[in-house]
Protein backbone atom coordinates (compact mmCIF):
# COMPACT_ATOMS: atom_id res chain seq x y z
CA UNK A 1 -6.13 30.69 8.45
CA UNK A 2 -4.26 31.33 11.67
CA UNK A 3 -0.67 32.42 11.13
CA UNK A 4 2.27 33.52 13.25
CA UNK A 5 1.93 37.15 14.31
CA UNK A 6 4.77 39.61 14.32
CA UNK A 7 8.13 39.42 12.55
CA UNK A 8 9.08 36.13 10.91
CA UNK A 9 12.33 37.03 9.21
CA UNK A 10 14.48 34.44 11.05
CA UNK A 11 13.15 30.90 11.11
CA UNK A 12 14.82 27.84 12.60
CA UNK A 13 13.68 24.45 11.32
CA UNK A 14 14.41 21.58 13.68
CA UNK A 15 15.00 18.44 11.62
CA UNK A 16 16.16 17.91 8.03
CA UNK A 17 13.64 15.25 7.11
CA UNK A 18 11.35 15.72 4.13
CA UNK A 19 8.90 17.90 6.02
CA UNK A 20 11.66 20.12 7.43
CA UNK A 21 13.40 20.52 4.06
CA UNK A 22 10.09 21.23 2.34
CA UNK A 23 9.22 23.91 4.89
CA UNK A 24 12.71 25.39 4.59
CA UNK A 25 12.45 25.69 0.81
CA UNK A 26 9.05 27.38 0.90
CA UNK A 27 10.16 29.76 3.65
CA UNK A 28 13.37 30.61 1.83
CA UNK A 29 11.37 31.28 -1.31
CA UNK A 30 9.17 33.61 0.75
CA UNK A 31 12.22 35.67 1.74
CA UNK A 32 12.89 34.32 5.25
CA UNK A 33 16.37 33.69 6.60
CA UNK A 34 16.21 29.98 7.40
CA UNK A 35 18.49 27.68 9.38
CA UNK A 36 17.84 23.93 9.41
CA UNK A 37 19.34 22.00 12.32
CA UNK A 38 19.69 18.21 12.09
CA UNK A 39 21.18 15.82 14.65
CA UNK A 40 22.28 13.23 12.07
CA UNK A 41 25.27 13.69 9.78
CA UNK A 42 23.04 13.61 6.70
CA UNK A 43 19.60 14.94 5.68
CA UNK A 44 16.53 12.77 5.19
CA UNK A 45 15.14 11.99 8.63
CA UNK A 46 13.02 8.86 8.33
CA UNK A 47 13.99 8.71 4.65
CA UNK A 48 17.70 8.82 5.29
CA UNK A 49 20.49 6.28 4.87
CA UNK A 50 22.61 3.74 6.64
CA UNK A 51 26.29 3.63 5.77
CA UNK A 52 27.98 0.24 5.81
CA UNK A 53 31.24 -1.17 4.50
CA UNK A 54 31.43 0.10 0.94
CA UNK A 55 27.77 0.89 0.38
CA UNK A 56 24.79 2.94 1.52
CA UNK A 57 21.20 1.75 1.82
CA UNK A 58 17.92 3.60 2.31
CA UNK A 59 16.99 3.56 5.98
CA UNK A 60 13.29 4.29 5.64
CA UNK A 61 10.57 4.75 3.05
CA UNK A 62 10.96 2.82 -0.20
CA UNK A 63 7.73 4.00 -1.89
CA UNK A 64 7.77 7.33 -3.73
CA UNK A 65 4.45 8.63 -5.05
CA UNK A 66 3.47 12.10 -6.30
CA UNK A 67 7.01 13.20 -7.24
CA UNK A 68 5.38 16.45 -8.42
CA UNK A 69 5.49 17.56 -4.80
CA UNK A 70 9.29 17.48 -4.94
CA UNK A 71 9.06 19.66 -8.06
CA UNK A 72 6.81 22.11 -6.21
CA UNK A 73 9.20 22.43 -3.25
CA UNK A 74 12.16 23.05 -5.58
CA UNK A 75 10.15 25.56 -7.59
CA UNK A 76 9.71 27.64 -4.42
CA UNK A 77 13.37 28.68 -4.82
CA UNK A 78 13.34 28.78 -8.62
CA UNK A 79 14.84 25.35 -9.26
CA UNK A 80 13.68 22.02 -10.64
CA UNK A 81 14.95 18.46 -10.58
CA UNK A 82 17.34 19.19 -13.46
CA UNK A 83 18.82 22.45 -12.20
CA UNK A 84 19.11 21.46 -8.53
CA UNK A 85 22.46 20.14 -7.30
CA UNK A 86 22.56 17.25 -7.13
CA UNK A 87 19.93 16.79 -9.84
CA UNK A 88 17.18 14.26 -9.21
CA UNK A 89 16.48 11.55 -11.77
CA UNK A 90 13.17 9.81 -11.07
CA UNK A 91 11.84 6.85 -13.02
CA UNK A 92 8.46 5.09 -12.83
CA UNK A 93 8.39 1.50 -11.64
CA UNK A 94 6.45 -0.96 -13.77
CA UNK A 95 5.27 -2.95 -11.99
CA UNK A 96 4.96 -0.84 -8.88
CA UNK A 97 4.63 -4.05 -6.87
CA UNK A 98 4.75 -7.74 -7.63
CA UNK A 99 2.47 -9.62 -5.27
CA UNK A 100 2.87 -13.32 -4.53
CA UNK A 101 0.25 -15.33 -2.68
CA UNK A 102 0.25 -18.40 -0.49
CA UNK A 103 -1.23 -20.55 -3.27
CA UNK A 104 1.73 -19.74 -5.54
CA UNK A 105 -0.19 -17.34 -7.79
CA UNK A 106 0.96 -13.82 -8.46
CA UNK A 107 -0.28 -10.38 -9.54
CA UNK A 108 1.67 -7.40 -10.77
CA UNK A 109 0.45 -3.86 -10.11
CA UNK A 110 0.69 -1.35 -12.97
CA UNK A 111 -0.44 2.27 -12.89
CA UNK A 112 -1.32 2.08 -16.58
CA UNK A 113 -5.03 1.26 -16.66
CA UNK A 114 -4.92 -0.88 -19.79
CA UNK A 115 -1.89 -2.83 -18.68
CA UNK A 116 -3.37 -3.42 -15.24
CA UNK A 117 -6.68 -4.51 -16.73
CA UNK A 118 -4.85 -7.07 -18.83
CA UNK A 119 -2.97 -8.29 -15.76
CA UNK A 120 -6.19 -8.65 -13.78
CA UNK A 121 -7.83 -10.50 -16.67
CA UNK A 122 -4.84 -12.87 -16.83
CA UNK A 123 -4.83 -13.67 -13.14
CA UNK A 124 -8.49 -13.24 -12.15
CA UNK A 125 -10.56 -13.36 -15.32
CA UNK A 126 -12.09 -10.75 -17.66
CA UNK A 127 -15.12 -10.04 -15.45
CA UNK A 128 -12.83 -9.08 -12.59
CA UNK A 129 -10.98 -6.73 -14.93
CA UNK A 130 -14.25 -4.86 -15.50
CA UNK A 131 -14.81 -4.63 -11.76
CA UNK A 132 -11.24 -3.41 -11.30
CA UNK A 133 -11.89 -0.49 -13.65
CA UNK A 134 -14.99 0.38 -11.64
CA UNK A 135 -12.97 0.41 -8.40
CA UNK A 136 -10.16 2.38 -10.00
CA UNK A 137 -12.61 5.10 -11.07
CA UNK A 138 -14.07 5.33 -7.57
CA UNK A 139 -10.65 5.61 -5.90
CA UNK A 140 -9.69 8.38 -8.33
CA UNK A 141 -12.88 10.30 -7.53
CA UNK A 142 -12.21 10.04 -3.80
CA UNK A 143 -8.65 11.27 -4.28
CA UNK A 144 -9.69 14.25 -6.38
CA UNK A 145 -12.48 15.19 -3.97
CA UNK A 146 -10.23 15.30 -0.92
CA UNK A 147 -6.87 16.51 -2.22
CA UNK A 148 -7.24 20.29 -2.27
CA UNK A 149 -9.35 20.79 0.83
CA UNK A 150 -8.26 17.89 3.04
CA UNK A 151 -4.76 16.67 2.16
CA UNK A 152 -3.22 19.92 0.96
CA UNK A 153 -4.94 22.41 3.27
CA UNK A 154 -4.60 23.74 6.79
CA UNK A 155 -7.38 23.46 9.35
CA UNK A 156 -7.96 25.77 12.29
CA UNK A 157 -10.98 23.81 13.54
CA UNK A 158 -13.29 20.96 12.53
CA UNK A 159 -15.85 23.72 12.02
CA UNK A 160 -13.87 24.69 8.90
CA UNK A 161 -15.66 21.77 7.24
CA UNK A 162 -18.95 23.64 7.37
CA UNK A 163 -18.01 27.33 7.47
CA UNK A 164 -15.53 27.36 4.55
CA UNK A 165 -17.46 26.86 1.28
CA UNK A 166 -14.73 24.94 -0.58
CA UNK A 167 -14.24 22.52 2.30
CA UNK A 168 -17.98 22.11 2.72
CA UNK A 169 -18.34 21.29 -0.98
CA UNK A 170 -15.49 18.74 -0.79
CA UNK A 171 -17.08 17.15 2.27
CA UNK A 172 -20.42 16.81 0.47
CA UNK A 173 -18.66 15.25 -2.53
CA UNK A 174 -16.98 12.68 -0.29
CA UNK A 175 -20.27 11.89 1.43
CA UNK A 176 -21.93 11.40 -1.95
CA UNK A 177 -19.12 9.03 -2.96
CA UNK A 178 -19.61 6.95 0.17
CA UNK A 179 -16.08 7.77 1.31
CA UNK A 180 -17.03 7.65 4.99
CA UNK A 181 -18.02 4.02 4.74
CA UNK A 182 -15.44 1.29 5.29
CA UNK A 183 -12.75 0.94 2.65
CA UNK A 184 -12.45 -2.82 3.00
CA UNK A 185 -16.19 -3.32 2.58
CA UNK A 186 -16.28 -1.11 -0.52
CA UNK A 187 -13.37 -2.94 -2.13
CA UNK A 188 -14.66 -6.44 -1.41
CA UNK A 189 -18.14 -5.44 -2.56
CA UNK A 190 -16.71 -4.30 -5.89
CA UNK A 191 -14.10 -7.01 -6.44
CA UNK A 192 -14.69 -10.76 -6.22
CA UNK A 193 -11.14 -12.08 -6.09
CA UNK A 194 -9.70 -11.81 -2.54
CA UNK A 195 -6.16 -11.65 -3.90
CA UNK A 196 -6.95 -8.53 -5.89
CA UNK A 197 -8.80 -7.03 -2.94
CA UNK A 198 -5.62 -7.27 -0.87
CA UNK A 199 -3.75 -5.10 -3.35
CA UNK A 200 -6.23 -2.27 -2.81
CA UNK A 201 -6.57 -2.57 0.96
CA UNK A 202 -3.17 -3.45 2.43
CA UNK A 203 -2.32 0.27 2.23
CA UNK A 204 -4.66 0.78 5.18
CA UNK A 205 -1.68 -0.33 7.23
CA UNK A 206 0.05 2.93 6.20
CA UNK A 207 -2.81 4.67 7.97
CA UNK A 208 -2.34 2.48 11.01
CA UNK A 209 -5.43 0.29 10.90
CA UNK A 210 -6.99 -2.80 9.42
CA UNK A 211 -8.90 -2.46 6.10
CA UNK A 212 -12.11 -3.42 7.90
CA UNK A 213 -11.78 -0.30 10.07
CA UNK A 214 -10.30 2.14 7.54
CA UNK A 215 -12.65 4.72 6.07
CA UNK A 216 -13.13 5.03 2.35
CA UNK A 217 -11.35 8.40 2.37
CA UNK A 218 -8.13 6.42 2.73
CA UNK A 219 -8.77 5.13 -0.76
CA UNK A 220 -6.55 8.05 -1.73
CA UNK A 221 -3.55 5.97 -0.62
CA UNK A 222 -4.11 2.93 -2.88
CA UNK A 223 -4.99 5.35 -5.66
CA UNK A 224 -1.56 6.97 -5.35
CA UNK A 225 0.08 3.54 -5.39
CA UNK A 226 -1.98 1.86 -8.09
CA UNK A 227 -3.32 4.71 -10.21
CA UNK A 228 -0.77 7.52 -10.13
CA UNK A 229 2.32 5.36 -10.03
CA UNK A 230 5.27 4.44 -7.83
CA UNK A 231 8.65 5.96 -8.66
CA UNK A 232 12.27 5.42 -7.74
CA UNK A 233 15.06 8.01 -7.76
CA UNK A 234 18.43 7.17 -9.24
CA UNK A 235 20.79 6.59 -6.33
CA UNK A 236 18.06 5.54 -3.92
CA UNK A 237 15.26 7.22 -2.04
CA UNK A 238 17.87 9.17 -0.08
CA UNK A 239 18.57 11.12 -3.28
CA UNK A 240 15.31 13.04 -2.74
CA UNK A 241 16.57 14.49 0.53
CA UNK A 242 20.00 15.20 -0.95
CA UNK A 243 18.42 17.21 -3.77
CA UNK A 244 16.11 19.16 -1.48
CA UNK A 245 18.99 19.94 0.90
CA UNK A 246 21.25 21.00 -1.98
CA UNK A 247 18.55 23.31 -3.34
CA UNK A 248 18.03 24.83 0.09
CA UNK A 249 21.69 25.68 0.62
CA UNK A 250 22.07 26.88 -2.98
CA UNK A 251 19.21 29.31 -2.32
CA UNK A 252 21.04 30.77 0.67
CA UNK A 253 19.71 28.57 3.47
CA UNK A 254 21.92 27.35 6.27
CA UNK A 255 22.02 23.61 7.00
CA UNK A 256 23.71 22.44 10.18
CA UNK A 257 24.20 18.67 10.33
CA UNK A 258 25.41 16.76 13.36
CA UNK A 259 23.77 19.31 15.65
CA UNK A 260 21.49 18.11 18.44
CA UNK A 261 18.73 20.50 19.53
CA UNK A 262 18.16 20.23 23.28
CA UNK A 263 15.35 22.72 23.80
CA UNK A 264 13.63 25.98 22.97
CA UNK A 265 13.75 29.13 25.11
CA UNK A 266 10.42 30.94 25.44
CA UNK A 267 9.51 34.42 26.61
CA UNK A 268 5.84 35.14 27.27
CA UNK A 269 4.72 32.22 25.15
CA UNK A 270 6.95 33.05 22.21
CA UNK A 271 10.02 31.05 21.16
CA UNK A 272 13.06 33.33 21.17
CA UNK A 273 15.97 30.94 20.83
CA UNK A 274 16.57 27.35 19.79
CA UNK A 275 19.14 25.75 22.09
CA UNK A 276 21.66 23.29 20.65
CA UNK A 277 24.16 21.01 22.35
CA UNK A 278 26.88 22.87 24.21
CA UNK A 279 24.43 25.64 25.17
CA UNK A 280 24.74 27.21 21.75
CA UNK A 281 21.69 29.28 20.86
CA UNK A 282 20.05 30.22 17.59
CA UNK A 283 17.87 33.36 17.81
CA UNK A 284 14.59 33.06 15.94
CA UNK A 285 11.31 34.74 15.10
CA UNK A 286 9.58 31.40 14.44
CA UNK A 287 10.32 27.70 14.67
CA UNK A 288 9.26 24.75 12.53
CA UNK A 289 9.51 21.69 14.76
CA UNK A 290 9.57 18.28 13.06
CA UNK A 291 10.22 16.17 16.17
CA UNK A 292 8.14 13.02 16.60
CA UNK A 293 5.00 13.24 18.72
CA UNK A 294 6.79 11.17 21.33
CA UNK A 295 9.47 13.85 21.76
CA UNK A 296 7.50 17.11 21.66
CA UNK A 297 7.57 17.68 25.40
CA UNK A 298 11.35 18.12 25.21
CA UNK A 299 10.69 21.33 23.27
CA UNK A 300 7.99 22.81 25.44
CA UNK A 301 5.13 21.59 23.24
CA UNK A 302 2.44 19.60 25.00
CA UNK A 303 1.48 16.54 22.92
CA UNK A 304 -2.17 15.71 22.57
CA UNK A 305 -3.38 13.18 25.12
CA UNK A 306 -4.81 9.78 24.32
CA UNK A 307 -3.22 9.36 20.92
CA UNK A 308 -3.32 5.88 19.43
CA UNK A 309 -0.17 4.92 17.57
CA UNK A 310 0.13 3.00 14.31
CA UNK A 311 1.63 -0.48 14.17
CA UNK A 312 5.41 -0.65 13.96
CA UNK A 313 7.81 -2.74 11.87
CA UNK A 314 10.84 -4.97 11.98
CA UNK A 315 13.22 -4.12 9.14
CA UNK A 316 16.43 -5.88 8.17
CA UNK A 317 18.95 -4.27 5.81
CA UNK A 318 21.99 -5.80 4.18
CA UNK A 319 23.43 -7.51 1.13
CA UNK A 320 22.61 -10.69 -0.73
CA UNK A 321 24.59 -12.23 -3.63
CA UNK A 322 22.91 -11.24 -6.87
CA UNK A 323 23.26 -14.81 -8.18
CA UNK A 324 21.30 -16.09 -5.18
CA UNK A 325 18.56 -13.45 -5.41
CA UNK A 326 18.34 -14.05 -9.16
CA UNK A 327 16.93 -17.53 -8.45
CA UNK A 328 14.13 -16.33 -6.21
CA UNK A 329 10.54 -16.86 -7.39
CA UNK A 330 9.91 -13.13 -7.99
CA UNK A 331 12.26 -10.67 -9.66
CA UNK A 332 10.91 -7.22 -8.78
CA UNK A 333 11.92 -3.99 -7.07
CA UNK A 334 9.07 -4.38 -4.59
CA UNK A 335 7.68 -7.80 -3.75
CA UNK A 336 4.77 -8.28 -1.37
CA UNK A 337 4.81 -11.90 -0.27
CA UNK A 338 1.43 -12.56 1.31
CA UNK A 339 0.73 -15.29 3.84
CA UNK A 340 -2.56 -17.14 3.74
CA UNK A 341 -3.97 -15.27 6.74
CA UNK A 342 -5.37 -11.79 6.26
CA UNK A 343 -7.93 -10.67 8.83
CA UNK A 344 -5.98 -12.55 11.49
CA UNK A 345 -2.77 -10.79 10.52
CA UNK A 346 -4.34 -7.39 10.99
CA UNK A 347 -5.86 -8.43 14.31
CA UNK A 348 -2.40 -9.41 15.51
CA UNK A 349 -0.58 -6.25 14.53
CA UNK A 350 -3.25 -3.56 14.99
CA UNK A 351 -4.73 -4.68 18.31
CA UNK A 352 -4.86 -1.88 20.84
CA UNK A 353 -3.75 -4.30 23.53
CA UNK A 354 -2.47 -7.86 23.34
CA UNK A 355 -0.86 -7.58 19.92
CA UNK A 356 1.68 -10.09 18.69
CA UNK A 357 4.04 -10.63 15.76
CA UNK A 358 2.36 -12.09 12.67
CA UNK A 359 1.78 -15.83 12.91
CA UNK A 360 1.52 -16.07 9.10
CA UNK A 361 3.71 -13.21 7.87
CA UNK A 362 3.00 -10.95 4.91
CA UNK A 363 6.29 -9.30 4.01
CA UNK A 364 7.71 -6.52 1.84
CA UNK A 365 10.97 -7.33 0.03
CA UNK A 366 12.86 -4.45 -1.58
CA UNK A 367 15.59 -4.92 -4.18
CA UNK A 368 16.42 -1.45 -5.54
CA UNK A 369 19.35 -2.53 -7.74
CA UNK A 370 16.87 -4.19 -10.10
CA UNK A 371 15.77 -0.66 -11.04
CA UNK A 372 19.12 1.09 -10.54
CA UNK A 373 22.08 -1.15 -11.49
CA UNK A 374 24.45 1.46 -10.06
CA UNK A 375 23.50 0.15 -6.62
CA UNK A 376 25.15 -3.25 -7.18
CA UNK A 377 28.34 -3.86 -5.20
CA UNK A 378 31.25 -6.21 -6.01
CA UNK A 379 33.34 -7.77 -3.25
CA UNK A 380 36.09 -10.33 -3.87
CA UNK A 381 34.70 -10.96 -7.32
CA UNK A 382 31.15 -11.59 -6.07
CA UNK A 383 28.34 -9.27 -7.11
CA UNK A 384 25.94 -8.24 -4.34
CA UNK A 385 22.74 -6.25 -4.24
CA UNK A 386 21.26 -4.24 -1.34
CA UNK A 387 18.23 -5.93 0.12
CA UNK A 388 15.66 -4.90 2.73
CA UNK A 389 12.98 -7.01 4.41
CA UNK A 390 10.06 -5.35 6.23
CA UNK A 391 7.64 -7.15 8.53
CA UNK A 392 4.81 -5.11 10.11
CA UNK A 393 4.47 -5.73 13.83
CA UNK A 394 2.54 -4.32 16.81
CA UNK A 395 3.76 -1.16 18.51
CA UNK A 396 5.01 -1.12 22.09
CA UNK A 397 1.68 0.03 23.51
CA UNK A 398 -0.02 -2.97 21.93
CA UNK A 399 2.75 -5.46 22.73
CA UNK A 400 5.50 -4.26 25.10
CA UNK A 401 7.96 -6.95 23.97
CA UNK A 402 11.68 -7.08 24.66
CA UNK A 403 12.73 -6.52 21.06
CA UNK A 404 16.41 -6.25 21.93
CA UNK A 405 16.28 -9.92 22.84
CA UNK A 406 13.48 -10.99 20.49
CA UNK A 407 14.60 -9.20 17.33
CA UNK A 408 17.37 -11.54 16.07
CA UNK A 409 15.31 -14.67 16.78
CA UNK A 410 12.27 -13.19 15.02
CA UNK A 411 14.38 -12.31 11.99
CA UNK A 412 15.62 -15.92 11.79
CA UNK A 413 11.99 -17.04 11.88
CA UNK A 414 11.04 -14.67 9.06
CA UNK A 415 13.94 -15.83 6.91
CA UNK A 416 12.95 -19.45 7.50
CA UNK A 417 9.42 -18.61 6.33
CA UNK A 418 10.80 -17.06 3.15
CA UNK A 419 13.11 -20.03 2.60
CA UNK A 420 10.09 -22.33 2.76
CA UNK A 421 8.25 -20.11 0.28
CA UNK A 422 10.97 -20.57 -2.32
CA UNK A 423 13.49 -17.83 -1.52
CA UNK A 424 16.24 -20.39 -1.41
CA UNK A 425 19.48 -19.70 0.49
CA UNK A 426 18.12 -16.47 1.98
CA UNK A 427 18.74 -17.87 5.46
CA UNK A 428 22.42 -18.49 4.76
CA UNK A 429 23.29 -15.80 2.22
CA UNK A 430 21.50 -12.65 3.45
CA UNK A 431 24.27 -10.71 5.22
CA UNK A 432 22.35 -8.49 7.64
CA UNK A 433 24.10 -5.22 8.49
CA UNK A 434 21.22 -3.57 10.36
CA UNK A 435 18.13 -4.77 12.19
CA UNK A 436 15.55 -2.18 13.25
CA UNK A 437 12.74 -3.07 15.64
CA UNK A 438 10.25 -1.11 17.76
CA UNK A 439 13.09 -0.71 20.27
CA UNK A 440 15.00 1.26 17.60
CA UNK A 441 12.17 3.71 17.11
CA UNK A 442 11.53 3.99 20.86
CA UNK A 443 15.18 4.88 21.47
CA UNK A 444 14.83 7.64 18.84
CA UNK A 445 11.91 9.13 20.77
CA UNK A 446 9.12 7.92 18.51
CA UNK A 447 5.66 7.40 19.96
CA UNK A 448 5.01 3.79 21.06
CA UNK A 449 8.10 2.61 19.20
CA UNK A 450 6.68 3.14 15.72
CA UNK A 451 8.08 5.14 12.78
CA UNK A 452 4.52 5.54 11.45
CA UNK A 453 3.37 7.93 14.19
CA UNK A 454 -0.29 8.33 15.17
CA UNK A 455 -2.84 6.08 13.50
CA UNK A 456 -5.34 7.68 11.14
CA UNK A 457 -8.42 6.90 13.16
CA UNK A 458 -11.31 9.21 12.38
CA UNK A 459 -10.57 11.17 15.56
CA UNK A 460 -6.93 11.54 14.44
CA UNK A 461 -7.52 12.52 10.82
CA UNK A 462 -7.90 15.76 8.89
CA UNK A 463 -9.18 18.54 11.17
CA UNK A 464 -9.07 16.10 14.11
CA UNK A 465 -5.38 15.27 13.75
CA UNK A 466 -2.78 16.91 16.00
CA UNK A 467 -2.68 20.47 14.69
CA UNK A 468 0.43 21.99 13.21
CA UNK A 469 -0.20 25.16 15.22
CA UNK A 470 -0.33 23.80 18.79
CA UNK A 471 -1.67 25.69 21.74
CA UNK A 472 0.82 27.23 24.14
CA UNK A 473 3.15 28.96 21.71
CA UNK A 474 2.61 31.86 19.37
CA UNK A 475 5.35 31.03 16.88
CA UNK A 476 6.16 27.29 16.97
CA UNK A 477 4.64 25.30 14.12
CA UNK A 478 4.75 21.52 13.75
CA UNK A 479 5.56 19.55 10.62
CA UNK A 480 5.97 15.86 9.94
CA UNK A 481 3.90 12.71 9.86
CA UNK A 482 2.42 13.21 13.33
CA UNK A 483 0.54 16.33 12.30
CA UNK A 484 -1.48 17.22 9.21
CA UNK A 485 -1.93 15.74 6.71
CA UNK A 486 -0.33 12.50 7.98
CA UNK A 487 2.01 9.58 7.31
CA UNK A 488 3.88 9.06 4.04
CA UNK A 489 6.35 10.67 1.67
CA UNK A 490 3.92 12.94 -0.21
CA UNK A 491 2.14 13.92 2.99
CA UNK A 492 5.47 14.79 4.67
CA UNK A 493 6.28 17.13 1.79
CA UNK A 494 2.81 18.67 2.05
CA UNK A 495 3.23 18.99 5.80
CA UNK A 496 6.29 21.18 5.34
CA UNK A 497 4.44 23.39 2.90
CA UNK A 498 1.47 23.76 5.26
CA UNK A 499 3.81 24.64 8.13
CA UNK A 500 5.45 27.33 5.99
CA UNK A 501 2.03 28.78 5.23
CA UNK A 502 1.36 29.04 8.97
CA UNK A 503 4.40 31.29 9.27
CA UNK A 504 4.21 33.53 6.20
CA UNK A 505 0.67 32.98 4.94
CA UNK A 506 -0.41 31.82 1.51
CA UNK A 507 0.41 34.99 -0.38
CA UNK A 508 4.03 35.68 0.45
CA UNK A 509 5.75 33.40 -1.99
CA UNK A 510 4.20 30.22 -0.58
CA UNK A 511 1.70 29.66 -3.32
CA UNK A 512 -0.93 26.97 -3.10
CA UNK A 513 -0.15 24.77 -6.09
CA UNK A 514 -2.12 21.72 -5.03
CA UNK A 515 -4.69 22.16 -7.80
CA UNK A 516 -1.94 22.24 -10.41
CA UNK A 517 -0.47 19.07 -8.92
CA UNK A 518 -3.81 17.30 -9.12
CA UNK A 519 -4.23 18.45 -12.73
CA UNK A 520 -0.82 17.07 -13.63
CA UNK A 521 -1.61 13.81 -11.84
CA UNK A 522 -4.95 13.57 -13.60
CA UNK A 523 -3.27 14.18 -16.97
CA UNK A 524 -0.75 11.44 -16.23
CA UNK A 525 -3.57 9.11 -15.24
CA UNK A 526 -5.42 9.90 -18.46
CA UNK A 527 -2.28 9.08 -20.47
CA UNK A 528 -1.89 5.84 -18.52
């Protein structure tokens, strides 16, 4: 594995998102002197927070899977979720999702195999429950085959797939499993009920493509969601970043918030100083850069040409009276409210050109106070709960729309759709404090106005994804969802670990614990 040559005692990490904090913890555990610089006034990056009048709300990801990866990052500095300050209390969600369909039927998703089988039998019949178990087993096999050598490993070249024995063996296992066929085709060939099929294929959107185009290797994503469990931290998803940041500073790391990095000074291809606002400089031996792919050129890193971005999203955050939300047709932390359209929806939001907002929306509703009552808020004697609504939409390359003008009108349309589906009084009672659109992400320097970075096309996946050790610099390493292994909370944590290994290698305190993580996950699955 290629690593940074020369001294690496002083490392500057640009960005205090999950990947940056993960890298910082592993590097600190390896004995480096690490400074993390973050432009916001809080850690978390895309999994940060918005602060409103009297309450905070998660600004990004709402789905936490593989919490063991948080444990691993904390263990790098000798801490765990109990001994870190603040401590992290994580609870499993059951159900992980509650899906509601256009015909009024519903399905809950449980990670427990027996409980999920019973749910499938209730909604779809006993024969479908048998087919569900068959699909569950296949997804688990795909996940186990690819974790160590694809998700949790660095690549120097696609040739690693044939010249490194462990990677070659994993590749052959995946081929034997049919994991390079289409995920959607495999799922629909196994399952008969189209409603159930949606619950094992909508995750392809995380990878930036329609299920019909997604490869079977992306079955690892629905396996994490439906087999290994979805979790929620007490205090919100932002608590993960708070705990990682607290552990980093407790271990001697330096965290500078509210500090904008404006560039990197190079000498003969090697970064020597990170430049912050006001011409302040931070000398360094190596840099971990977590900037979005759309902003890399600001730091002297040439982004890969011809990248195709994932779809984007419109997200509304705010408060709704708990008494109003308590009358809605589904009472769940995560509700996926599906429209009748499916293939059409994906055509609209994943088109390379000529995309458009969904004509028959499928929406994610998040109500975290149902799992953590401490998140309720009382104003003037009325009890409120934080509420977020997410609608996938095309990115700005696909549909260069004027979202500054369109956004409020589109939100009113979405709320009207939900009102008609039985979410009564949502149009009048949802007090929106923040509306994010592709224009939001564009203004933050994100590629094509999407927070989901580059799509996981075959040519942008695994050894073909933008490398974390880019050409042109001897000591700048990338981390984050735009590089390996990809988009998502667990992959961001892994990305930081892989970046740290590029700087100090695998044997200087940055131990490869992926196999242990898979064993723990497999044990949990067996218990489930």
